[in-house]
Amino acid sequence: MPFLTRVLPIFLVSWLLTFTLASLFHSQYVVNQLVNVGIVVSLSDRINLTLDDWLGLLPTYGAIIAIALAIAFLVTAKLTKKVKHYSMALFIAAGITAFAVVLVAIESIMNIHIIAGARGWGFYLQLLAGALGGLLFALLTKALAPKQ
């Protein structure tokens, strides 16, 4: 029962933040590329594009992120039982690793970028989204841990 009442809600909140940031970074990277070639993009267009991307990416990229983070956080949770002092850093590294593995593996296997916003410096923004998701997971896990 602790999984359903404690771990799953923490994971879902962390995933939601991670996916939202990854989608936001993707959208703004793409808009920035348009602006770089001289296309004028209004604030309302930026907002609409960002919301449309969030909804459009949710069933695919959102699911991929959820699976990658679930695997990374599960492995990290097992590891942190042995090295508790480094749990925060390990969960941050797990979030980064999850994104790096997904983006590099799909690009290597299919020879495409599944996320246009993961090209160039956008790749590092995607890793930042993973890092912040790992950080939030670690912070919430620590804050909501049963007191002994």
C-alpha atoms as a PDB file:
ATOM      1  CA  MET A   1       0.000   0.000   0.000  1.00  0.00           C
ATOM      2  CA  PRO A   2       2.845   2.513   0.558  1.00  0.00           C
ATOM      3  CA  PHE A   3       3.444   2.409  -3.198  1.00  0.00           C
ATOM      4  CA  LEU A   4      -0.053   3.643  -4.036  1.00  0.00           C
ATOM      5  CA  THR A   5      -0.265   6.198  -1.265  1.00  0.00           C
ATOM      6  CA  ARG A   6       3.283   7.552  -1.196  1.00  0.00           C
ATOM      7  CA  VAL A   7       5.508   6.579  -4.129  1.00  0.00           C
ATOM      8  CA  LEU A   8       3.018   6.792  -7.005  1.00  0.00           C
ATOM      9  CA  PRO A   9       1.781  10.321  -6.206  1.00  0.00           C
ATOM     10  CA  ILE A  10       5.388  11.530  -5.825  1.00  0.00           C
ATOM     11  CA  PHE A  11       6.309   9.919  -9.130  1.00  0.00           C
ATOM     12  CA  LEU A  12       3.303  11.421 -10.927  1.00  0.00           C
ATOM     13  CA  VAL A  13       4.068  14.935  -9.657  1.00  0.00           C
ATOM     14  CA  SER A  14       7.728  14.551 -10.649  1.00  0.00           C
ATOM     15  CA  TRP A  15       6.798  13.192 -14.067  1.00  0.00           C
ATOM     16  CA  LEU A  16       4.304  16.012 -14.656  1.00  0.00           C
ATOM     17  CA  LEU A  17       6.932  18.653 -13.882  1.00  0.00           C
ATOM     18  CA  THR A  18       9.530  16.860 -16.006  1.00  0.00           C
ATOM     19  CA  PHE A  19       7.236  16.431 -18.998  1.00  0.00           C
ATOM     20  CA  THR A  20       5.934  19.994 -18.746  1.00  0.00           C
ATOM     21  CA  LEU A  21       9.458  21.408 -18.688  1.00  0.00           C
ATOM     22  CA  ALA A  22      10.608  19.140 -21.528  1.00  0.00           C
ATOM     23  CA  SER A  23       7.615  20.188 -23.628  1.00  0.00           C
ATOM     24  CA  LEU A  24       8.121  23.874 -22.787  1.00  0.00           C
ATOM     25  CA  PHE A  25      11.835  23.707 -23.625  1.00  0.00           C
ATOM     26  CA  HIS A  26      11.036  21.921 -26.888  1.00  0.00           C
ATOM     27  CA  SER A  27       8.433  24.487 -27.914  1.00  0.00           C
ATOM     28  CA  GLN A  28      10.590  27.484 -27.133  1.00  0.00           C
ATOM     29  CA  TYR A  29      13.607  25.960 -28.886  1.00  0.00           C
ATOM     30  CA  VAL A  30      11.540  25.499 -32.052  1.00  0.00           C
ATOM     31  CA  VAL A  31      10.129  29.040 -31.809  1.00  0.00           C
ATOM     32  CA  ASN A  32      13.646  30.388 -31.300  1.00  0.00           C
ATOM     33  CA  GLN A  33      14.779  28.616 -34.474  1.00  0.00           C
ATOM     34  CA  LEU A  34      11.917  30.261 -36.383  1.00  0.00           C
ATOM     35  CA  VAL A  35      12.842  33.670 -35.007  1.00  0.00           C
ATOM     36  CA  ASN A  36      16.477  33.061 -36.031  1.00  0.00           C
ATOM     37  CA  VAL A  37      15.405  32.794 -39.682  1.00  0.00           C
ATOM     38  CA  GLY A  38      13.396  35.998 -39.515  1.00  0.00           C
ATOM     39  CA  ILE A  39       9.883  34.790 -38.738  1.00  0.00           C
ATOM     40  CA  VAL A  40       8.013  37.008 -36.308  1.00  0.00           C
ATOM     41  CA  VAL A  41       6.296  34.998 -33.585  1.00  0.00           C
ATOM     42  CA  SER A  42       3.935  36.890 -31.295  1.00  0.00           C
ATOM     43  CA  LEU A  43       3.537  36.134 -27.609  1.00  0.00           C
ATOM     44  CA  SER A  44       0.053  34.715 -28.180  1.00  0.00           C
ATOM     45  CA  ASP A  45       1.441  32.419 -30.899  1.00  0.00           C
ATOM     46  CA  ARG A  46       4.179  31.277 -28.511  1.00  0.00           C
ATOM     47  CA  ILE A  47       1.619  30.495 -25.822  1.00  0.00           C
ATOM     48  CA  ASN A  48      -0.698  28.666 -28.239  1.00  0.00           C
ATOM     49  CA  LEU A  49       2.202  26.675 -29.691  1.00  0.00           C
ATOM     50  CA  THR A  50       3.386  25.737 -26.216  1.00  0.00           C
ATOM     51  CA  LEU A  51      -0.066  24.550 -25.123  1.00  0.00           C
ATOM     52  CA  ASP A  52      -0.636  22.679 -28.391  1.00  0.00           C
ATOM     53  CA  ASP A  53       2.754  20.994 -28.073  1.00  0.00           C
ATOM     54  CA  TRP A  54       2.033  19.991 -24.467  1.00  0.00           C
ATOM     55  CA  LEU A  55      -1.215  18.319 -25.483  1.00  0.00           C
ATOM     56  CA  GLY A  56       0.230  16.826 -28.648  1.00  0.00           C
ATOM     57  CA  LEU A  57       3.343  15.408 -27.006  1.00  0.00           C
ATOM     58  CA  LEU A  58       1.549  14.012 -23.960  1.00  0.00           C
ATOM     59  CA  PRO A  59       0.502  10.608 -25.351  1.00  0.00           C
ATOM     60  CA  THR A  60       3.868   9.862 -26.969  1.00  0.00           C
ATOM     61  CA  TYR A  61       6.746  11.801 -25.461  1.00  0.00           C
ATOM     62  CA  GLY A  62       4.934  11.939 -22.124  1.00  0.00           C
ATOM     63  CA  ALA A  63       4.621   8.156 -22.058  1.00  0.00           C
ATOM     64  CA  ILE A  64       8.253   7.684 -23.097  1.00  0.00           C
ATOM     65  CA  ILE A  65       9.379  10.032 -20.323  1.00  0.00           C
ATOM     66  CA  ALA A  66       7.194   8.222 -17.774  1.00  0.00           C
ATOM     67  CA  ILE A  67       8.690   4.837 -18.668  1.00  0.00           C
ATOM     68  CA  ALA A  68      12.265   6.155 -18.715  1.00  0.00           C
ATOM     69  CA  LEU A  69      11.876   7.911 -15.361  1.00  0.00           C
ATOM     70  CA  ALA A  70      10.153   4.906 -13.785  1.00  0.00           C
ATOM     71  CA  ILE A  71      13.077   2.660 -14.729  1.00  0.00           C
ATOM     72  CA  ALA A  72      15.694   5.229 -13.696  1.00  0.00           C
ATOM     73  CA  PHE A  73      14.030   6.030 -10.371  1.00  0.00           C
ATOM     74  CA  LEU A  74      13.464   2.348  -9.549  1.00  0.00           C
ATOM     75  CA  VAL A  75      17.140   1.533 -10.103  1.00  0.00           C
ATOM     76  CA  THR A  76      18.160   4.636  -8.151  1.00  0.00           C
ATOM     77  CA  ALA A  77      15.836   3.800  -5.239  1.00  0.00           C
ATOM     78  CA  LYS A  78      17.540   0.418  -4.915  1.00  0.00           C
ATOM     79  CA  LEU A  79      20.957   2.065  -5.102  1.00  0.00           C
ATOM     80  CA  THR A  80      20.159   4.744  -2.515  1.00  0.00           C
ATOM     81  CA  LYS A  81      19.450   2.078   0.083  1.00  0.00           C
ATOM     82  CA  LYS A  82      23.197   1.440   0.054  1.00  0.00           C
ATOM     83  CA  VAL A  83      24.401   5.051  -0.277  1.00  0.00           C
ATOM     84  CA  LYS A  84      21.794   7.236   1.429  1.00  0.00           C
ATOM     85  CA  HIS A  85      24.004  10.316   1.662  1.00  0.00           C
ATOM     86  CA  TYR A  86      24.044  10.696  -2.111  1.00  0.00           C
ATOM     87  CA  SER A  87      20.362  10.123  -2.825  1.00  0.00           C
ATOM     88  CA  MET A  88      19.701  13.677  -4.056  1.00  0.00           C
ATOM     89  CA  ALA A  89      22.600  13.602  -6.525  1.00  0.00           C
ATOM     90  CA  LEU A  90      21.707  10.081  -7.635  1.00  0.00           C
ATOM     91  CA  PHE A  91      18.088  10.985  -8.447  1.00  0.00           C
ATOM     92  CA  ILE A  92      19.243  14.064 -10.359  1.00  0.00           C
ATOM     93  CA  ALA A  93      21.685  11.886 -12.304  1.00  0.00           C
ATOM     94  CA  ALA A  94      18.902   9.342 -12.875  1.00  0.00           C
ATOM     95  CA  GLY A  95      16.681  11.999 -14.464  1.00  0.00           C
ATOM     96  CA  ILE A  96      19.509  13.178 -16.704  1.00  0.00           C
ATOM     97  CA  THR A  97      20.413   9.617 -17.642  1.00  0.00           C
ATOM     98  CA  ALA A  98      16.821   8.708 -18.469  1.00  0.00           C
ATOM     99  CA  PHE A  99      16.579  11.566 -20.975  1.00  0.00           C
ATOM    100  CA  ALA A 100      20.045  10.999 -22.434  1.00  0.00           C
ATOM    101  CA  VAL A 101      19.370   7.300 -22.999  1.00  0.00           C
ATOM    102  CA  VAL A 102      15.959   7.885 -24.601  1.00  0.00           C
ATOM    103  CA  LEU A 103      17.067  10.700 -26.883  1.00  0.00           C
ATOM    104  CA  VAL A 104      20.357   9.101 -27.950  1.00  0.00           C
ATOM    105  CA  ALA A 105      18.880   5.609 -28.363  1.00  0.00           C
ATOM    106  CA  ILE A 106      15.972   6.722 -30.524  1.00  0.00           C
ATOM    107  CA  GLU A 107      18.185   8.961 -32.627  1.00  0.00           C
ATOM    108  CA  SER A 108      20.712   6.128 -33.076  1.00  0.00           C
ATOM    109  CA  ILE A 109      18.162   3.420 -33.833  1.00  0.00           C
ATOM    110  CA  MET A 110      15.748   5.365 -36.014  1.00  0.00           C
ATOM    111  CA  ASN A 111      18.153   8.045 -37.268  1.00  0.00           C
ATOM    112  CA  ILE A 112      15.656  10.790 -36.383  1.00  0.00           C
ATOM    113  CA  HIS A 113      15.203  13.288 -33.599  1.00  0.00           C
ATOM    114  CA  ILE A 114      11.827  12.466 -32.054  1.00  0.00           C
ATOM    115  CA  ILE A 115      11.823  15.885 -30.458  1.00  0.00           C
ATOM    116  CA  ALA A 116      12.873  18.771 -32.701  1.00  0.00           C
ATOM    117  CA  GLY A 117      13.670  20.766 -29.579  1.00  0.00           C
ATOM    118  CA  ALA A 118      16.311  18.190 -28.588  1.00  0.00           C
ATOM    119  CA  ARG A 119      18.738  19.283 -31.297  1.00  0.00           C
ATOM    120  CA  GLY A 120      21.796  21.375 -30.511  1.00  0.00           C
ATOM    121  CA  TRP A 121      21.560  23.182 -27.190  1.00  0.00           C
ATOM    122  CA  GLY A 122      17.950  21.955 -26.893  1.00  0.00           C
ATOM    123  CA  PHE A 123      19.373  18.536 -25.997  1.00  0.00           C
ATOM    124  CA  TYR A 124      20.840  20.031 -22.823  1.00  0.00           C
ATOM    125  CA  LEU A 125      17.533  21.673 -21.958  1.00  0.00           C
ATOM    126  CA  GLN A 126      15.889  18.248 -22.169  1.00  0.00           C
ATOM    127  CA  LEU A 127      18.557  16.920 -19.789  1.00  0.00           C
ATOM    128  CA  LEU A 128      17.823  19.858 -17.483  1.00  0.00           C
ATOM    129  CA  ALA A 129      14.145  18.838 -17.437  1.00  0.00           C
ATOM    130  CA  GLY A 130      15.231  15.338 -16.384  1.00  0.00           C
ATOM    131  CA  ALA A 131      17.532  16.734 -13.699  1.00  0.00           C
ATOM    132  CA  LEU A 132      14.778  18.902 -12.233  1.00  0.00           C
ATOM    133  CA  GLY A 133      12.351  15.969 -12.265  1.00  0.00           C
ATOM    134  CA  GLY A 134      14.911  13.849 -10.409  1.00  0.00           C
ATOM    135  CA  LEU A 135      15.495  16.646  -7.929  1.00  0.00           C
ATOM    136  CA  LEU A 136      11.768  17.019  -7.241  1.00  0.00           C
ATOM    137  CA  PHE A 137      11.384  13.247  -6.818  1.00  0.00           C
ATOM    138  CA  ALA A 138      14.253  13.183  -4.311  1.00  0.00           C
ATOM    139  CA  LEU A 139      12.945  16.201  -2.380  1.00  0.00           C
ATOM    140  CA  LEU A 140       9.378  14.884  -2.169  1.00  0.00           C
ATOM    141  CA  THR A 141      10.540  11.400  -1.240  1.00  0.00           C
ATOM    142  CA  LYS A 142      12.651  12.815   1.575  1.00  0.00           C
ATOM    143  CA  ALA A 143       9.958  15.245   2.766  1.00  0.00           C
ATOM    144  CA  LEU A 144       7.202  12.630   2.789  1.00  0.00           C
ATOM    145  CA  ALA A 145       9.270   9.747   4.172  1.00  0.00           C
ATOM    146  CA  PRO A 146       7.729   8.095   7.214  1.00  0.00           C
ATOM    147  CA  LYS A 147       9.341   9.350  10.419  1.00  0.00           C
ATOM    148  CA  GLN A 148      11.165   6.740  12.425  1.00  0.00           C
END
